Amino acid sequence: MKIALICSSCGSRNYSLNKPVHNERLVMKKHCPKCNKHTTHKSSI
């Protein structure tokens, strides 16, 4: 299943990855090119 990671600050979808089907949300610290800093990114599902 392909999911998108959404920046918690600006809401842009910067990263996509394949994830097995689970009901829990994935939360990662990633670099947001729009904010130009490291922010928390959450999965769209």
PDB file of N, CA and C in Angstrom:
ATOM      1  N   MET A   1       0.847  -1.169   0.000  1.00  0.00           N
ATOM      2  CA  MET A   1       0.000   0.000   0.000  1.00  0.00           C
ATOM      3  C   MET A   1       0.894   1.233   0.000  1.00  0.00           C
ATOM      4  N   LYS A   2       0.640   2.157  -0.906  1.00  0.00           N
ATOM      5  CA  LYS A   2       1.436   3.374  -1.006  1.00  0.00           C
ATOM      6  C   LYS A   2       0.771   4.474  -0.185  1.00  0.00           C
ATOM      7  N   ILE A   3       1.560   5.116   0.692  1.00  0.00           N
ATOM      8  CA  ILE A   3       1.036   6.190   1.534  1.00  0.00           C
ATOM      9  C   ILE A   3       1.896   7.436   1.355  1.00  0.00           C
ATOM     10  N   ALA A   4       1.356   8.584   1.724  1.00  0.00           N
ATOM     11  CA  ALA A   4       2.078   9.848   1.661  1.00  0.00           C
ATOM     12  C   ALA A   4       2.351  10.331   3.075  1.00  0.00           C
ATOM     13  N   LEU A   5       3.493  10.988   3.251  1.00  0.00           N
ATOM     14  CA  LEU A   5       3.817  11.612   4.535  1.00  0.00           C
ATOM     15  C   LEU A   5       3.540  13.108   4.407  1.00  0.00           C
ATOM     16  N   ILE A   6       2.753  13.622   5.348  1.00  0.00           N
ATOM     17  CA  ILE A   6       2.296  15.012   5.291  1.00  0.00           C
ATOM     18  C   ILE A   6       2.979  15.808   6.400  1.00  0.00           C
ATOM     19  N   CYS A   7       3.530  16.962   6.055  1.00  0.00           N
ATOM     20  CA  CYS A   7       4.189  17.841   7.014  1.00  0.00           C
ATOM     21  C   CYS A   7       3.157  18.400   7.987  1.00  0.00           C
ATOM     22  N   SER A   8       3.462  18.355   9.279  1.00  0.00           N
ATOM     23  CA  SER A   8       2.518  18.848  10.285  1.00  0.00           C
ATOM     24  C   SER A   8       2.488  20.381  10.332  1.00  0.00           C
ATOM     25  N   SER A   9       3.513  21.058   9.826  1.00  0.00           N
ATOM     26  CA  SER A   9       3.541  22.526   9.859  1.00  0.00           C
ATOM     27  C   SER A   9       2.797  23.149   8.678  1.00  0.00           C
ATOM     28  N   CYS A  10       3.148  22.748   7.462  1.00  0.00           N
ATOM     29  CA  CYS A  10       2.579  23.408   6.284  1.00  0.00           C
ATOM     30  C   CYS A  10       1.549  22.557   5.547  1.00  0.00           C
ATOM     31  N   GLY A  11       1.515  21.247   5.808  1.00  0.00           N
ATOM     32  CA  GLY A  11       0.520  20.387   5.180  1.00  0.00           C
ATOM     33  C   GLY A  11       0.898  19.867   3.802  1.00  0.00           C
ATOM     34  N   SER A  12       2.124  20.095   3.355  1.00  0.00           N
ATOM     35  CA  SER A  12       2.523  19.596   2.041  1.00  0.00           C
ATOM     36  C   SER A  12       2.876  18.118   2.117  1.00  0.00           C
ATOM     37  N   ARG A  13       2.638  17.421   1.015  1.00  0.00           N
ATOM     38  CA  ARG A  13       2.940  15.992   0.917  1.00  0.00           C
ATOM     39  C   ARG A  13       4.303  15.851   0.264  1.00  0.00           C
ATOM     40  N   ASN A  14       5.325  15.575   1.095  1.00  0.00           N
ATOM     41  CA  ASN A  14       6.696  15.575   0.615  1.00  0.00           C
ATOM     42  C   ASN A  14       7.251  14.193   0.294  1.00  0.00           C
ATOM     43  N   TYR A  15       6.828  13.181   0.982  1.00  0.00           N
ATOM     44  CA  TYR A  15       7.397  11.847   0.844  1.00  0.00           C
ATOM     45  C   TYR A  15       6.297  10.820   0.620  1.00  0.00           C
ATOM     46  N   SER A  16       6.614   9.781  -0.125  1.00  0.00           N
ATOM     47  CA  SER A  16       5.701   8.653  -0.272  1.00  0.00           C
ATOM     48  C   SER A  16       6.504   7.373  -0.092  1.00  0.00           C
ATOM     49  N   LEU A  17       5.853   6.354   0.454  1.00  0.00           N
ATOM     50  CA  LEU A  17       6.523   5.080   0.685  1.00  0.00           C
ATOM     51  C   LEU A  17       5.507   3.959   0.701  1.00  0.00           C
ATOM     52  N   ASN A  18       6.008   2.744   0.566  1.00  0.00           N
ATOM     53  CA  ASN A  18       5.159   1.561   0.629  1.00  0.00           C
ATOM     54  C   ASN A  18       5.119   1.066   2.061  1.00  0.00           C
ATOM     55  N   LYS A  19       3.930   0.765   2.553  1.00  0.00           N
ATOM     56  CA  LYS A  19       3.749   0.336   3.938  1.00  0.00           C
ATOM     57  C   LYS A  19       2.749  -0.804   3.965  1.00  0.00           C
ATOM     58  N   PRO A  20       3.020  -1.829   4.759  1.00  0.00           N
ATOM     59  CA  PRO A  20       2.004  -2.870   4.914  1.00  0.00           C
ATOM     60  C   PRO A  20       0.745  -2.303   5.565  1.00  0.00           C
ATOM     61  N   VAL A  21      -0.374  -2.931   5.325  1.00  0.00           N
ATOM     62  CA  VAL A  21      -1.659  -2.438   5.823  1.00  0.00           C
ATOM     63  C   VAL A  21      -1.725  -2.604   7.343  1.00  0.00           C
ATOM     64  N   HIS A  22      -1.791  -1.493   8.057  1.00  0.00           N
ATOM     65  CA  HIS A  22      -1.968  -1.437   9.508  1.00  0.00           C
ATOM     66  C   HIS A  22      -2.905  -0.284   9.806  1.00  0.00           C
ATOM     67  N   ASN A  23      -3.506  -0.286  10.955  1.00  0.00           N
ATOM     68  CA  ASN A  23      -4.429   0.795  11.319  1.00  0.00           C
ATOM     69  C   ASN A  23      -3.741   1.944  12.042  1.00  0.00           C
ATOM     70  N   GLU A  24      -2.471   1.806  12.361  1.00  0.00           N
ATOM     71  CA  GLU A  24      -1.778   2.852  13.105  1.00  0.00           C
ATOM     72  C   GLU A  24      -1.130   3.855  12.147  1.00  0.00           C
ATOM     73  N   ARG A  25      -1.024   5.100  12.591  1.00  0.00           N
ATOM     74  CA  ARG A  25      -0.394   6.152  11.787  1.00  0.00           C
ATOM     75  C   ARG A  25       1.109   6.136  11.995  1.00  0.00           C
ATOM     76  N   LEU A  26       1.824   6.370  10.950  1.00  0.00           N
ATOM     77  CA  LEU A  26       3.274   6.434  10.986  1.00  0.00           C
ATOM     78  C   LEU A  26       3.677   7.888  11.218  1.00  0.00           C
ATOM     79  N   VAL A  27       4.579   8.135  12.168  1.00  0.00           N
ATOM     80  CA  VAL A  27       5.053   9.491  12.480  1.00  0.00           C
ATOM     81  C   VAL A  27       6.569   9.481  12.402  1.00  0.00           C
ATOM     82  N   MET A  28       7.137  10.394  11.598  1.00  0.00           N
ATOM     83  CA  MET A  28       8.590  10.469  11.417  1.00  0.00           C
ATOM     84  C   MET A  28       9.026  11.926  11.393  1.00  0.00           C
ATOM     85  N   LYS A  29      10.272  12.171  11.792  1.00  0.00           N
ATOM     86  CA  LYS A  29      10.869  13.499  11.629  1.00  0.00           C
ATOM     87  C   LYS A  29      11.620  13.491  10.307  1.00  0.00           C
ATOM     88  N   LYS A  30      11.197  14.363   9.380  1.00  0.00           N
ATOM     89  CA  LYS A  30      11.803  14.456   8.059  1.00  0.00           C
ATOM     90  C   LYS A  30      12.033  15.927   7.723  1.00  0.00           C
ATOM     91  N   HIS A  31      12.874  16.156   6.726  1.00  0.00           N
ATOM     92  CA  HIS A  31      13.133  17.518   6.262  1.00  0.00           C
ATOM     93  C   HIS A  31      12.031  17.936   5.297  1.00  0.00           C
ATOM     94  N   CYS A  32      11.433  19.084   5.547  1.00  0.00           N
ATOM     95  CA  CYS A  32      10.407  19.636   4.660  1.00  0.00           C
ATOM     96  C   CYS A  32      11.058  20.706   3.792  1.00  0.00           C
ATOM     97  N   PRO A  33      11.098  20.499   2.466  1.00  0.00           N
ATOM     98  CA  PRO A  33      11.708  21.510   1.599  1.00  0.00           C
ATOM     99  C   PRO A  33      10.933  22.825   1.565  1.00  0.00           C
ATOM    100  N   LYS A  34       9.628  22.778   1.790  1.00  0.00           N
ATOM    101  CA  LYS A  34       8.826  24.004   1.777  1.00  0.00           C
ATOM    102  C   LYS A  34       9.083  24.853   3.020  1.00  0.00           C
ATOM    103  N   CYS A  35       9.164  24.198   4.206  1.00  0.00           N
ATOM    104  CA  CYS A  35       9.457  24.901   5.459  1.00  0.00           C
ATOM    105  C   CYS A  35      10.958  25.134   5.634  1.00  0.00           C
ATOM    106  N   ASN A  36      11.772  24.356   4.951  1.00  0.00           N
ATOM    107  CA  ASN A  36      13.229  24.399   5.019  1.00  0.00           C
ATOM    108  C   ASN A  36      13.737  24.106   6.435  1.00  0.00           C
ATOM    109  N   LYS A  37      13.099  23.104   7.095  1.00  0.00           N
ATOM    110  CA  LYS A  37      13.542  22.652   8.408  1.00  0.00           C
ATOM    111  C   LYS A  37      13.007  21.248   8.656  1.00  0.00           C
ATOM    112  N   HIS A  38      13.506  20.592   9.688  1.00  0.00           N
ATOM    113  CA  HIS A  38      13.036  19.277  10.070  1.00  0.00           C
ATOM    114  C   HIS A  38      11.727  19.418  10.865  1.00  0.00           C
ATOM    115  N   THR A  39      10.685  18.736  10.387  1.00  0.00           N
ATOM    116  CA  THR A  39       9.385  18.772  11.039  1.00  0.00           C
ATOM    117  C   THR A  39       8.836  17.360  11.173  1.00  0.00           C
ATOM    118  N   THR A  40       7.780  17.226  11.939  1.00  0.00           N
ATOM    119  CA  THR A  40       7.120  15.935  12.092  1.00  0.00           C
ATOM    120  C   THR A  40       6.229  15.697  10.880  1.00  0.00           C
ATOM    121  N   HIS A  41       6.358  14.530  10.277  1.00  0.00           N
ATOM    122  CA  HIS A  41       5.527  14.114   9.146  1.00  0.00           C
ATOM    123  C   HIS A  41       4.687  12.929   9.586  1.00  0.00           C
ATOM    124  N   LYS A  42       3.389  12.964   9.263  1.00  0.00           N
ATOM    125  CA  LYS A  42       2.464  11.881   9.614  1.00  0.00           C
ATOM    126  C   LYS A  42       1.923  11.250   8.345  1.00  0.00           C
ATOM    127  N   SER A  43       1.624   9.961   8.450  1.00  0.00           N
ATOM    128  CA  SER A  43       1.077   9.255   7.286  1.00  0.00           C
ATOM    129  C   SER A  43      -0.349   9.725   7.007  1.00  0.00           C
ATOM    130  N   SER A  44      -0.750   9.617   5.761  1.00  0.00           N
ATOM    131  CA  SER A  44      -2.070  10.078   5.355  1.00  0.00           C
ATOM    132  C   SER A  44      -3.164   9.105   5.773  1.00  0.00           C
ATOM    133  N   ILE A  45      -2.798   7.894   6.164  1.00  0.00           N
ATOM    134  CA  ILE A  45      -3.796   6.895   6.576  1.00  0.00           C
ATOM    135  C   ILE A  45      -3.725   6.663   8.061  1.00  0.00           C
TER     136      ILE A  45
END
